[in-house]
Amino acid sequence: MERRTPEVRVAEAINHVLAAESEAAVVIAAAEREAEAVMEAARGRRRQILERTRRRASRLHARAQQHLRQAIEELDRTKPAQDADLDTLRARSRAAVAELAKRLTSQGDGPH
């Protein structure tokens, strides 16, 4: 059986530690590359989501503007009829006020 000297055993132990350290460095570098790839994929996904969200928001905004335009056009089309109704209401209000004033200022208890 071969007897190793303490110096040889120390040198072997150092070589073993250095080899383990080298293997660890390789594994760490591979993990860093993998982590970077995962991060880059996540950044790409984030960009896709952001762009899709911007497109959706733009479409929603455009639809809302269209609905608003249509509502304004509808109001503009119906406004003359509403104005006529308003004129009728004003005339009826004036007549009702005049009739009430006549009743309040007349002598007698019966209808007029």
C-alpha atoms as a PDB file:
ATOM      1  CA  MET A   1       0.000   0.000   0.000  1.00  0.00           C
ATOM      2  CA  GLU A   2       1.180   3.351  -0.901  1.00  0.00           C
ATOM      3  CA  ARG A   3       1.559   5.869   1.848  1.00  0.00           C
ATOM      4  CA  ARG A   4       0.934   9.428   0.919  1.00  0.00           C
ATOM      5  CA  THR A   5       2.702  12.197   2.591  1.00  0.00           C
ATOM      6  CA  PRO A   6       0.796  15.022   4.231  1.00  0.00           C
ATOM      7  CA  GLU A   7       1.954  17.357   1.497  1.00  0.00           C
ATOM      8  CA  VAL A   8       0.474  15.079  -1.163  1.00  0.00           C
ATOM      9  CA  ARG A   9      -2.792  14.817   0.739  1.00  0.00           C
ATOM     10  CA  VAL A  10      -2.965  18.601   1.095  1.00  0.00           C
ATOM     11  CA  ALA A  11      -2.217  19.056  -2.603  1.00  0.00           C
ATOM     12  CA  GLU A  12      -4.919  16.540  -3.501  1.00  0.00           C
ATOM     13  CA  ALA A  13      -7.401  18.275  -1.194  1.00  0.00           C
ATOM     14  CA  ILE A  14      -6.569  21.635  -2.754  1.00  0.00           C
ATOM     15  CA  ASN A  15      -6.971  20.162  -6.245  1.00  0.00           C
ATOM     16  CA  HIS A  16     -10.288  18.638  -5.192  1.00  0.00           C
ATOM     17  CA  VAL A  17     -11.522  22.015  -3.864  1.00  0.00           C
ATOM     18  CA  LEU A  18     -10.325  23.788  -7.012  1.00  0.00           C
ATOM     19  CA  ALA A  19     -12.108  21.250  -9.218  1.00  0.00           C
ATOM     20  CA  ALA A  20     -15.303  21.625  -7.188  1.00  0.00           C
ATOM     21  CA  GLU A  21     -14.961  25.386  -7.403  1.00  0.00           C
ATOM     22  CA  SER A  22     -14.489  25.163 -11.170  1.00  0.00           C
ATOM     23  CA  GLU A  23     -17.580  22.945 -11.519  1.00  0.00           C
ATOM     24  CA  ALA A  24     -19.558  25.349  -9.363  1.00  0.00           C
ATOM     25  CA  ALA A  25     -18.460  28.273 -11.529  1.00  0.00           C
ATOM     26  CA  VAL A  26     -19.667  26.431 -14.652  1.00  0.00           C
ATOM     27  CA  VAL A  27     -23.030  25.637 -13.012  1.00  0.00           C
ATOM     28  CA  ILE A  28     -23.381  29.212 -11.760  1.00  0.00           C
ATOM     29  CA  ALA A  29     -22.606  30.624 -15.220  1.00  0.00           C
ATOM     30  CA  ALA A  30     -25.189  28.293 -16.791  1.00  0.00           C
ATOM     31  CA  ALA A  31     -27.772  29.333 -14.181  1.00  0.00           C
ATOM     32  CA  GLU A  32     -27.024  33.005 -14.841  1.00  0.00           C
ATOM     33  CA  ARG A  33     -27.494  32.468 -18.601  1.00  0.00           C
ATOM     34  CA  GLU A  34     -30.749  30.636 -17.977  1.00  0.00           C
ATOM     35  CA  ALA A  35     -31.961  33.352 -15.594  1.00  0.00           C
ATOM     36  CA  GLU A  36     -31.099  36.029 -18.156  1.00  0.00           C
ATOM     37  CA  ALA A  37     -33.017  34.112 -20.834  1.00  0.00           C
ATOM     38  CA  VAL A  38     -36.030  33.845 -18.519  1.00  0.00           C
ATOM     39  CA  MET A  39     -35.807  37.566 -17.732  1.00  0.00           C
ATOM     40  CA  GLU A  40     -35.568  38.475 -21.412  1.00  0.00           C
ATOM     41  CA  ALA A  41     -38.591  36.294 -22.187  1.00  0.00           C
ATOM     42  CA  ALA A  42     -40.487  38.022 -19.371  1.00  0.00           C
ATOM     43  CA  ARG A  43     -39.510  41.442 -20.758  1.00  0.00           C
ATOM     44  CA  GLY A  44     -40.727  40.389 -24.198  1.00  0.00           C
ATOM     45  CA  ARG A  45     -44.012  39.177 -22.734  1.00  0.00           C
ATOM     46  CA  ARG A  46     -44.397  42.444 -20.831  1.00  0.00           C
ATOM     47  CA  ARG A  47     -43.863  44.390 -24.073  1.00  0.00           C
ATOM     48  CA  GLN A  48     -46.493  42.261 -25.817  1.00  0.00           C
ATOM     49  CA  ILE A  49     -48.999  42.786 -23.014  1.00  0.00           C
ATOM     50  CA  LEU A  50     -48.314  46.518 -22.943  1.00  0.00           C
ATOM     51  CA  GLU A  51     -48.733  46.847 -26.710  1.00  0.00           C
ATOM     52  CA  ARG A  52     -51.940  44.794 -26.691  1.00  0.00           C
ATOM     53  CA  THR A  53     -53.270  46.921 -23.831  1.00  0.00           C
ATOM     54  CA  ARG A  54     -52.454  50.115 -25.726  1.00  0.00           C
ATOM     55  CA  ARG A  55     -54.235  48.816 -28.837  1.00  0.00           C
ATOM     56  CA  ARG A  56     -57.288  47.845 -26.799  1.00  0.00           C
ATOM     57  CA  ALA A  57     -57.358  51.223 -25.057  1.00  0.00           C
ATOM     58  CA  SER A  58     -57.100  52.980 -28.417  1.00  0.00           C
ATOM     59  CA  ARG A  59     -59.988  50.915 -29.816  1.00  0.00           C
ATOM     60  CA  LEU A  60     -62.084  51.615 -26.721  1.00  0.00           C
ATOM     61  CA  HIS A  61     -61.325  55.309 -26.999  1.00  0.00           C
ATOM     62  CA  ALA A  62     -62.232  55.342 -30.690  1.00  0.00           C
ATOM     63  CA  ARG A  63     -65.516  53.513 -30.004  1.00  0.00           C
ATOM     64  CA  ALA A  64     -66.351  55.897 -27.165  1.00  0.00           C
ATOM     65  CA  GLN A  65     -65.680  58.865 -29.430  1.00  0.00           C
ATOM     66  CA  GLN A  66     -67.909  57.358 -32.116  1.00  0.00           C
ATOM     67  CA  HIS A  67     -70.728  56.775 -29.622  1.00  0.00           C
ATOM     68  CA  LEU A  68     -70.349  60.316 -28.339  1.00  0.00           C
ATOM     69  CA  ARG A  69     -70.434  61.694 -31.883  1.00  0.00           C
ATOM     70  CA  GLN A  70     -73.570  59.681 -32.608  1.00  0.00           C
ATOM     71  CA  ALA A  71     -75.229  60.871 -29.400  1.00  0.00           C
ATOM     72  CA  ILE A  72     -74.402  64.493 -30.230  1.00  0.00           C
ATOM     73  CA  GLU A  73     -75.746  64.055 -33.772  1.00  0.00           C
ATOM     74  CA  GLU A  74     -78.927  62.498 -32.366  1.00  0.00           C
ATOM     75  CA  LEU A  75     -79.324  65.400 -29.958  1.00  0.00           C
ATOM     76  CA  ASP A  76     -78.765  67.860 -32.785  1.00  0.00           C
ATOM     77  CA  ARG A  77     -81.422  66.095 -34.891  1.00  0.00           C
ATOM     78  CA  THR A  78     -83.969  66.051 -32.063  1.00  0.00           C
ATOM     79  CA  LYS A  79     -83.240  69.539 -30.764  1.00  0.00           C
ATOM     80  CA  PRO A  80     -85.719  71.377 -33.022  1.00  0.00           C
ATOM     81  CA  ALA A  81     -88.517  69.094 -31.820  1.00  0.00           C
ATOM     82  CA  GLN A  82     -87.461  69.630 -28.235  1.00  0.00           C
ATOM     83  CA  ASP A  83     -87.360  73.381 -28.782  1.00  0.00           C
ATOM     84  CA  ALA A  84     -90.900  73.241 -30.172  1.00  0.00           C
ATOM     85  CA  ASP A  85     -91.966  71.284 -27.099  1.00  0.00           C
ATOM     86  CA  LEU A  86     -90.258  73.867 -24.942  1.00  0.00           C
ATOM     87  CA  ASP A  87     -92.143  76.655 -26.708  1.00  0.00           C
ATOM     88  CA  THR A  88     -95.399  74.771 -26.157  1.00  0.00           C
ATOM     89  CA  LEU A  89     -94.556  74.288 -22.487  1.00  0.00           C
ATOM     90  CA  ARG A  90     -93.761  77.989 -22.099  1.00  0.00           C
ATOM     91  CA  ALA A  91     -97.044  78.979 -23.747  1.00  0.00           C
ATOM     92  CA  ARG A  92     -98.998  76.580 -21.544  1.00  0.00           C
ATOM     93  CA  SER A  93     -97.156  77.820 -18.463  1.00  0.00           C
ATOM     94  CA  ARG A  94     -97.993  81.450 -19.300  1.00  0.00           C
ATOM     95  CA  ALA A  95    -101.627  80.519 -19.867  1.00  0.00           C
ATOM     96  CA  ALA A  96    -101.770  78.588 -16.587  1.00  0.00           C
ATOM     97  CA  VAL A  97    -100.189  81.483 -14.682  1.00  0.00           C
ATOM     98  CA  ALA A  98    -102.626  83.931 -16.290  1.00  0.00           C
ATOM     99  CA  GLU A  99    -105.583  81.693 -15.396  1.00  0.00           C
ATOM    100  CA  LEU A 100    -104.323  81.320 -11.822  1.00  0.00           C
ATOM    101  CA  ALA A 101    -103.849  85.084 -11.517  1.00  0.00           C
ATOM    102  CA  LYS A 102    -107.359  85.634 -12.863  1.00  0.00           C
ATOM    103  CA  ARG A 103    -108.821  83.191 -10.307  1.00  0.00           C
ATOM    104  CA  LEU A 104    -106.859  84.671  -7.431  1.00  0.00           C
ATOM    105  CA  THR A 105    -107.861  88.229  -8.274  1.00  0.00           C
ATOM    106  CA  SER A 106    -111.506  87.649  -9.191  1.00  0.00           C
ATOM    107  CA  GLN A 107    -114.460  88.121  -6.875  1.00  0.00           C
ATOM    108  CA  GLY A 108    -116.402  84.938  -6.352  1.00  0.00           C
ATOM    109  CA  ASP A 109    -116.057  81.356  -5.392  1.00  0.00           C
ATOM    110  CA  GLY A 110    -117.051  79.521  -8.577  1.00  0.00           C
ATOM    111  CA  PRO A 111    -114.942  78.293 -11.450  1.00  0.00           C
ATOM    112  CA  HIS A 112    -114.103  80.770 -14.209  1.00  0.00           C
END
